[in-house]
Amino acid sequence: MVGTLCAATVSGTVELIGSSKMADRSGVVVWLEPLDGHEATTPRHERMIQKNKTFTPHILPISMGSSVEFPNLDPIFHNAFSNFNGQVFDLALYPPGKSKTVTFRRPGVVRIFCNIHPAMSAVIVVVDTPYYAVSDRTGRFILPDVPAGRYREDIFFERATPETLAALTKEVDVQEAREVLPLIRIWETGYLPSAHANKHGQPYSPESESPYTVH
């Protein structure tokens, strides 16, 4: 079973190939799922704020069962929702200064949008393990307190295709007190983001026509 030996600090580095932003390697989610036995997750309470018509953080990894609060810190209405992949939810319109919360009960990639402002988007990556991290601008990530054992290393990156990410999945063996994973090289050329519809599956109206947008 996982956890029979001392816990380790697992670290690694991400390299982006074909990137137009070589200086910024942030936003890559890396998680380790135990292969020697199921490890219970610890639900947490996280926040994804809405300010300046932007979700922050843009990429948020969480463990299964965690809740995410969506406070509206703008002087305008917002309507956060997700209607494909991962968990479906619709927080409906709510005014400045208010907040709503969603609990994520199954693993998956949840793409978040606002029904009023089409440029707003974010991603919540829900994982069934307590061992996960997101890379910083240098590409470095750290997973603390990982018990010795065998794991499957999985990766999510918004600007990589599912086929690219699936090919990066591999088994790793954590034994040392400070385990350094092999360099992760992610090819992002070929990824083409597509326009999304509103929560009703319809094209967005111009923001200038929205009664919930101030100028």
C-alpha atoms as a PDB file:
ATOM      1  CA  MET A   1       0.000   0.000   0.000  1.00  0.00           C
ATOM      2  CA  VAL A   2       1.000   3.621  -0.504  1.00  0.00           C
ATOM      3  CA  GLY A   3       2.379   5.316   2.567  1.00  0.00           C
ATOM      4  CA  THR A   4       4.475   2.523   4.160  1.00  0.00           C
ATOM      5  CA  LEU A   5       7.654   4.632   3.843  1.00  0.00           C
ATOM      6  CA  CYS A   6       8.457   8.248   4.602  1.00  0.00           C
ATOM      7  CA  ALA A   7       6.836  10.919   2.474  1.00  0.00           C
ATOM      8  CA  ALA A   8       8.852  12.635  -0.236  1.00  0.00           C
ATOM      9  CA  THR A   9       8.964  16.037  -1.844  1.00  0.00           C
ATOM     10  CA  VAL A  10       8.427  15.395  -5.554  1.00  0.00           C
ATOM     11  CA  SER A  11       9.434  18.121  -8.001  1.00  0.00           C
ATOM     12  CA  GLY A  12       9.859  18.555 -11.728  1.00  0.00           C
ATOM     13  CA  THR A  13      10.078  20.964 -14.622  1.00  0.00           C
ATOM     14  CA  VAL A  14       7.951  21.541 -17.709  1.00  0.00           C
ATOM     15  CA  GLU A  15       9.282  22.571 -21.107  1.00  0.00           C
ATOM     16  CA  LEU A  16       6.904  23.874 -23.788  1.00  0.00           C
ATOM     17  CA  ILE A  17       7.772  23.057 -27.397  1.00  0.00           C
ATOM     18  CA  GLY A  18       6.393  25.162 -30.216  1.00  0.00           C
ATOM     19  CA  SER A  19       5.279  27.834 -27.776  1.00  0.00           C
ATOM     20  CA  SER A  20       4.831  31.486 -28.634  1.00  0.00           C
ATOM     21  CA  LYS A  21       5.355  32.250 -24.945  1.00  0.00           C
ATOM     22  CA  MET A  22       8.568  30.407 -24.170  1.00  0.00           C
ATOM     23  CA  ALA A  23       9.246  32.659 -21.165  1.00  0.00           C
ATOM     24  CA  ASP A  24       6.015  31.607 -19.442  1.00  0.00           C
ATOM     25  CA  ARG A  25       5.598  27.905 -18.654  1.00  0.00           C
ATOM     26  CA  SER A  26       2.849  28.294 -16.072  1.00  0.00           C
ATOM     27  CA  GLY A  27      -0.535  26.601 -16.077  1.00  0.00           C
ATOM     28  CA  VAL A  28       0.546  22.960 -16.484  1.00  0.00           C
ATOM     29  CA  VAL A  29      -1.237  20.709 -13.971  1.00  0.00           C
ATOM     30  CA  VAL A  30       0.641  17.585 -12.852  1.00  0.00           C
ATOM     31  CA  TRP A  31      -0.838  14.956 -10.549  1.00  0.00           C
ATOM     32  CA  LEU A  32       0.154  11.524  -9.233  1.00  0.00           C
ATOM     33  CA  GLU A  33      -2.466   8.786  -8.782  1.00  0.00           C
ATOM     34  CA  PRO A  34      -1.381   5.875  -6.520  1.00  0.00           C
ATOM     35  CA  LEU A  35      -1.140   2.473  -8.205  1.00  0.00           C
ATOM     36  CA  ASP A  36      -0.561   0.523  -4.971  1.00  0.00           C
ATOM     37  CA  GLY A  37      -3.870   1.432  -3.369  1.00  0.00           C
ATOM     38  CA  HIS A  38      -6.441   4.217  -3.269  1.00  0.00           C
ATOM     39  CA  GLU A  39      -5.422   7.326  -1.330  1.00  0.00           C
ATOM     40  CA  ALA A  40      -8.294   9.362   0.100  1.00  0.00           C
ATOM     41  CA  THR A  41      -8.493  12.977  -1.002  1.00  0.00           C
ATOM     42  CA  THR A  42      -8.875  15.893   1.398  1.00  0.00           C
ATOM     43  CA  PRO A  43     -11.586  18.277   0.176  1.00  0.00           C
ATOM     44  CA  ARG A  44     -10.635  21.947   0.306  1.00  0.00           C
ATOM     45  CA  HIS A  45     -12.342  25.286  -0.135  1.00  0.00           C
ATOM     46  CA  GLU A  46     -10.837  27.321  -2.994  1.00  0.00           C
ATOM     47  CA  ARG A  47     -11.683  30.660  -4.614  1.00  0.00           C
ATOM     48  CA  MET A  48     -11.859  31.733  -8.254  1.00  0.00           C
ATOM     49  CA  ILE A  49     -12.545  35.460  -8.283  1.00  0.00           C
ATOM     50  CA  GLN A  50     -14.258  37.427 -11.053  1.00  0.00           C
ATOM     51  CA  LYS A  51     -12.578  40.805 -11.445  1.00  0.00           C
ATOM     52  CA  ASN A  52     -11.834  43.006 -14.463  1.00  0.00           C
ATOM     53  CA  LYS A  53     -13.916  40.543 -16.523  1.00  0.00           C
ATOM     54  CA  THR A  54     -11.367  37.829 -15.722  1.00  0.00           C
ATOM     55  CA  PHE A  55     -11.453  34.582 -13.739  1.00  0.00           C
ATOM     56  CA  THR A  56      -8.457  34.324 -11.385  1.00  0.00           C
ATOM     57  CA  PRO A  57      -6.722  31.937 -11.200  1.00  0.00           C
ATOM     58  CA  HIS A  58      -7.183  30.918 -14.817  1.00  0.00           C
ATOM     59  CA  ILE A  59      -6.104  27.326 -14.087  1.00  0.00           C
ATOM     60  CA  LEU A  60      -7.154  25.797 -10.772  1.00  0.00           C
ATOM     61  CA  PRO A  61      -6.395  22.172  -9.799  1.00  0.00           C
ATOM     62  CA  ILE A  62      -8.470  20.754  -6.925  1.00  0.00           C
ATOM     63  CA  SER A  63      -9.031  17.381  -5.289  1.00  0.00           C
ATOM     64  CA  MET A  64     -12.360  15.626  -5.753  1.00  0.00           C
ATOM     65  CA  GLY A  65     -14.975  16.774  -3.244  1.00  0.00           C
ATOM     66  CA  SER A  66     -13.543  20.277  -2.944  1.00  0.00           C
ATOM     67  CA  SER A  67     -15.701  23.386  -3.234  1.00  0.00           C
ATOM     68  CA  VAL A  68     -14.872  26.510  -5.232  1.00  0.00           C
ATOM     69  CA  GLU A  69     -16.265  29.921  -4.386  1.00  0.00           C
ATOM     70  CA  PHE A  70     -16.904  32.376  -7.243  1.00  0.00           C
ATOM     71  CA  PRO A  71     -17.027  35.893  -5.725  1.00  0.00           C
ATOM     72  CA  ASN A  72     -18.043  38.733  -8.054  1.00  0.00           C
ATOM     73  CA  LEU A  73     -15.585  41.564  -7.395  1.00  0.00           C
ATOM     74  CA  ASP A  74     -16.575  43.550 -10.492  1.00  0.00           C
ATOM     75  CA  PRO A  75     -19.063  46.466 -10.529  1.00  0.00           C
ATOM     76  CA  ILE A  76     -21.207  44.457 -12.987  1.00  0.00           C
ATOM     77  CA  PHE A  77     -23.231  41.228 -13.068  1.00  0.00           C
ATOM     78  CA  HIS A  78     -21.664  37.857 -13.891  1.00  0.00           C
ATOM     79  CA  ASN A  79     -23.019  34.376 -14.646  1.00  0.00           C
ATOM     80  CA  ALA A  80     -20.383  31.650 -14.304  1.00  0.00           C
ATOM     81  CA  PHE A  81     -21.331  28.323 -15.882  1.00  0.00           C
ATOM     82  CA  SER A  82     -19.997  25.110 -17.382  1.00  0.00           C
ATOM     83  CA  ASN A  83     -22.042  23.012 -19.801  1.00  0.00           C
ATOM     84  CA  PHE A  84     -19.613  20.528 -21.324  1.00  0.00           C
ATOM     85  CA  ASN A  85     -16.803  18.292 -20.052  1.00  0.00           C
ATOM     86  CA  GLY A  86     -16.387  17.743 -16.339  1.00  0.00           C
ATOM     87  CA  GLN A  87     -19.198  19.021 -14.130  1.00  0.00           C
ATOM     88  CA  VAL A  88     -22.230  20.899 -15.460  1.00  0.00           C
ATOM     89  CA  PHE A  89     -23.415  23.887 -13.401  1.00  0.00           C
ATOM     90  CA  ASP A  90     -25.032  27.299 -13.832  1.00  0.00           C
ATOM     91  CA  LEU A  91     -24.694  29.952 -11.105  1.00  0.00           C
ATOM     92  CA  ALA A  92     -27.183  32.298 -12.833  1.00  0.00           C
ATOM     93  CA  LEU A  93     -26.835  36.071 -12.742  1.00  0.00           C
ATOM     94  CA  TYR A  94     -25.602  37.635  -9.527  1.00  0.00           C
ATOM     95  CA  PRO A  95     -24.617  41.222  -8.722  1.00  0.00           C
ATOM     96  CA  PRO A  96     -21.394  42.878  -7.545  1.00  0.00           C
ATOM     97  CA  GLY A  97     -20.282  41.899  -4.061  1.00  0.00           C
ATOM     98  CA  LYS A  98     -22.097  38.549  -4.055  1.00  0.00           C
ATOM     99  CA  SER A  99     -20.588  35.062  -4.201  1.00  0.00           C
ATOM    100  CA  LYS A 100     -21.712  31.536  -5.046  1.00  0.00           C
ATOM    101  CA  THR A 101     -20.064  28.162  -4.456  1.00  0.00           C
ATOM    102  CA  VAL A 102     -19.898  24.870  -6.373  1.00  0.00           C
ATOM    103  CA  THR A 103     -18.763  21.488  -5.006  1.00  0.00           C
ATOM    104  CA  PHE A 104     -16.961  19.252  -7.520  1.00  0.00           C
ATOM    105  CA  ARG A 105     -17.706  15.603  -6.823  1.00  0.00           C
ATOM    106  CA  ARG A 106     -16.110  13.747  -9.739  1.00  0.00           C
ATOM    107  CA  PRO A 107     -12.754  13.992 -11.527  1.00  0.00           C
ATOM    108  CA  GLY A 108     -12.455  15.727 -14.864  1.00  0.00           C
ATOM    109  CA  VAL A 109     -11.615  18.923 -16.703  1.00  0.00           C
ATOM    110  CA  VAL A 110     -14.250  21.604 -16.096  1.00  0.00           C
ATOM    111  CA  ARG A 111     -14.178  24.565 -18.488  1.00  0.00           C
ATOM    112  CA  ILE A 112     -15.703  27.692 -16.977  1.00  0.00           C
ATOM    113  CA  PHE A 113     -17.299  30.607 -18.870  1.00  0.00           C
ATOM    114  CA  CYS A 114     -19.450  33.655 -18.170  1.00  0.00           C
ATOM    115  CA  ASN A 115     -22.825  33.837 -19.904  1.00  0.00           C
ATOM    116  CA  ILE A 116     -22.518  37.643 -20.230  1.00  0.00           C
ATOM    117  CA  HIS A 117     -18.869  38.118 -21.214  1.00  0.00           C
ATOM    118  CA  PRO A 118     -17.580  35.693 -23.891  1.00  0.00           C
ATOM    119  CA  ALA A 119     -13.907  36.578 -23.329  1.00  0.00           C
ATOM    120  CA  MET A 120     -14.027  35.207 -19.771  1.00  0.00           C
ATOM    121  CA  SER A 121     -12.820  31.626 -19.390  1.00  0.00           C
ATOM    122  CA  ALA A 122     -11.033  29.400 -16.904  1.00  0.00           C
ATOM    123  CA  VAL A 123     -10.329  25.724 -16.249  1.00  0.00           C
ATOM    124  CA  ILE A 124     -10.781  23.702 -13.075  1.00  0.00           C
ATOM    125  CA  VAL A 125      -8.982  20.342 -13.072  1.00  0.00           C
ATOM    126  CA  VAL A 126     -10.577  17.949 -10.576  1.00  0.00           C
ATOM    127  CA  VAL A 127      -8.336  15.023  -9.616  1.00  0.00           C
ATOM    128  CA  ASP A 128      -8.948  11.902  -7.520  1.00  0.00           C
ATOM    129  CA  THR A 129      -5.705  12.225  -5.556  1.00  0.00           C
ATOM    130  CA  PRO A 130      -4.241  14.567  -2.941  1.00  0.00           C
ATOM    131  CA  TYR A 131      -0.972  14.846  -4.867  1.00  0.00           C
ATOM    132  CA  TYR A 132      -1.157  17.597  -7.492  1.00  0.00           C
ATOM    133  CA  ALA A 133       0.483  20.882  -8.447  1.00  0.00           C
ATOM    134  CA  VAL A 134       0.502  23.543 -11.159  1.00  0.00           C
ATOM    135  CA  SER A 135       3.678  24.834 -12.787  1.00  0.00           C
ATOM    136  CA  ASP A 136       4.978  28.378 -12.235  1.00  0.00           C
ATOM    137  CA  ARG A 137       6.310  30.723 -14.915  1.00  0.00           C
ATOM    138  CA  THR A 138       9.654  28.901 -14.986  1.00  0.00           C
ATOM    139  CA  GLY A 139       7.918  25.541 -15.503  1.00  0.00           C
ATOM    140  CA  ARG A 140       8.759  24.254 -12.034  1.00  0.00           C
ATOM    141  CA  PHE A 141       6.246  22.398  -9.847  1.00  0.00           C
ATOM    142  CA  ILE A 142       6.434  20.806  -6.383  1.00  0.00           C
ATOM    143  CA  LEU A 143       4.264  18.098  -4.811  1.00  0.00           C
ATOM    144  CA  PRO A 144       4.971  17.861  -1.046  1.00  0.00           C
ATOM    145  CA  ASP A 145       4.357  14.903   1.270  1.00  0.00           C
ATOM    146  CA  VAL A 146       4.047  12.172  -1.357  1.00  0.00           C
ATOM    147  CA  PRO A 147       4.340   8.708   0.276  1.00  0.00           C
ATOM    148  CA  ALA A 148       6.774   6.248  -1.276  1.00  0.00           C
ATOM    149  CA  GLY A 149       5.169   3.999  -3.867  1.00  0.00           C
ATOM    150  CA  ARG A 150       4.172   3.621  -7.503  1.00  0.00           C
ATOM    151  CA  TYR A 151       2.091   6.273  -9.230  1.00  0.00           C
ATOM    152  CA  ARG A 152       0.640   7.203 -12.598  1.00  0.00           C
ATOM    153  CA  GLU A 153       1.739  10.671 -13.649  1.00  0.00           C
ATOM    154  CA  ASP A 154      -0.978  12.603 -15.496  1.00  0.00           C
ATOM    155  CA  ILE A 155      -0.796  16.058 -17.066  1.00  0.00           C
ATOM    156  CA  PHE A 156      -3.204  18.735 -18.226  1.00  0.00           C
ATOM    157  CA  PHE A 157      -2.271  21.773 -20.299  1.00  0.00           C
ATOM    158  CA  GLU A 158      -4.842  24.028 -21.922  1.00  0.00           C
ATOM    159  CA  ARG A 159      -2.828  24.573 -25.096  1.00  0.00           C
ATOM    160  CA  ALA A 160      -2.101  20.908 -25.815  1.00  0.00           C
ATOM    161  CA  THR A 161      -4.317  18.364 -27.561  1.00  0.00           C
ATOM    162  CA  PRO A 162      -5.801  15.412 -25.615  1.00  0.00           C
ATOM    163  CA  GLU A 163      -3.692  13.061 -27.752  1.00  0.00           C
ATOM    164  CA  THR A 164      -0.509  14.906 -26.790  1.00  0.00           C
ATOM    165  CA  LEU A 165      -1.358  14.760 -23.101  1.00  0.00           C
ATOM    166  CA  ALA A 166      -2.353  11.078 -23.208  1.00  0.00           C
ATOM    167  CA  ALA A 167       1.040  10.222 -24.698  1.00  0.00           C
ATOM    168  CA  LEU A 168       2.765  11.866 -21.703  1.00  0.00           C
ATOM    169  CA  THR A 169       1.068   9.636 -19.111  1.00  0.00           C
ATOM    170  CA  LYS A 170       3.530   7.270 -17.461  1.00  0.00           C
ATOM    171  CA  GLU A 171       4.301   5.357 -14.279  1.00  0.00           C
ATOM    172  CA  VAL A 172       6.746   6.780 -11.740  1.00  0.00           C
ATOM    173  CA  ASP A 173       8.311   5.240  -8.655  1.00  0.00           C
ATOM    174  CA  VAL A 174       8.721   7.525  -5.640  1.00  0.00           C
ATOM    175  CA  GLN A 175      11.366   6.307  -3.203  1.00  0.00           C
ATOM    176  CA  GLU A 176      13.801   9.093  -2.369  1.00  0.00           C
ATOM    177  CA  ALA A 177      13.079  11.826   0.179  1.00  0.00           C
ATOM    178  CA  ARG A 178      13.516  14.363  -2.626  1.00  0.00           C
ATOM    179  CA  GLU A 179      12.348  12.808  -5.869  1.00  0.00           C
ATOM    180  CA  VAL A 180      12.915  14.722  -9.121  1.00  0.00           C
ATOM    181  CA  LEU A 181      10.733  13.631 -12.023  1.00  0.00           C
ATOM    182  CA  PRO A 182      12.117  13.533 -15.578  1.00  0.00           C
ATOM    183  CA  LEU A 183      11.693  16.709 -17.628  1.00  0.00           C
ATOM    184  CA  ILE A 184       8.179  16.984 -19.095  1.00  0.00           C
ATOM    185  CA  ARG A 185       8.184  18.228 -22.704  1.00  0.00           C
ATOM    186  CA  ILE A 186       4.791  19.323 -24.017  1.00  0.00           C
ATOM    187  CA  TRP A 187       4.177  20.006 -27.700  1.00  0.00           C
ATOM    188  CA  GLU A 188       1.497  22.685 -28.111  1.00  0.00           C
ATOM    189  CA  THR A 189       1.653  23.302 -31.864  1.00  0.00           C
ATOM    190  CA  GLY A 190      -1.584  22.241 -33.512  1.00  0.00           C
ATOM    191  CA  TYR A 191      -3.859  23.281 -30.686  1.00  0.00           C
ATOM    192  CA  LEU A 192      -6.671  25.476 -32.033  1.00  0.00           C
ATOM    193  CA  PRO A 193      -9.010  27.021 -29.447  1.00  0.00           C
ATOM    194  CA  SER A 194     -12.598  27.144 -30.655  1.00  0.00           C
ATOM    195  CA  ALA A 195     -15.259  29.733 -29.933  1.00  0.00           C
ATOM    196  CA  HIS A 196     -17.794  28.682 -27.309  1.00  0.00           C
ATOM    197  CA  ALA A 197     -21.532  29.261 -27.132  1.00  0.00           C
ATOM    198  CA  ASN A 198     -23.431  30.695 -24.198  1.00  0.00           C
ATOM    199  CA  LYS A 199     -25.150  28.471 -21.623  1.00  0.00           C
ATOM    200  CA  HIS A 200     -28.140  28.025 -23.950  1.00  0.00           C
ATOM    201  CA  GLY A 201     -25.936  26.797 -26.810  1.00  0.00           C
ATOM    202  CA  GLN A 202     -26.459  30.028 -28.735  1.00  0.00           C
ATOM    203  CA  PRO A 203     -23.946  32.589 -30.056  1.00  0.00           C
ATOM    204  CA  TYR A 204     -23.169  35.485 -27.727  1.00  0.00           C
ATOM    205  CA  SER A 205     -24.834  38.840 -28.313  1.00  0.00           C
ATOM    206  CA  PRO A 206     -22.500  41.854 -28.508  1.00  0.00           C
ATOM    207  CA  GLU A 207     -21.621  43.003 -24.980  1.00  0.00           C
ATOM    208  CA  SER A 208     -22.786  46.492 -25.879  1.00  0.00           C
ATOM    209  CA  GLU A 209     -26.341  45.087 -26.083  1.00  0.00           C
ATOM    210  CA  SER A 210     -26.234  43.497 -22.628  1.00  0.00           C
ATOM    211  CA  PRO A 211     -28.155  45.305 -19.859  1.00  0.00           C
ATOM    212  CA  TYR A 212     -25.691  43.796 -17.351  1.00  0.00           C
ATOM    213  CA  THR A 213     -22.573  45.453 -18.801  1.00  0.00           C
ATOM    214  CA  VAL A 214     -21.464  48.948 -17.786  1.00  0.00           C
ATOM    215  CA  HIS A 215     -19.352  51.291 -19.889  1.00  0.00           C
END
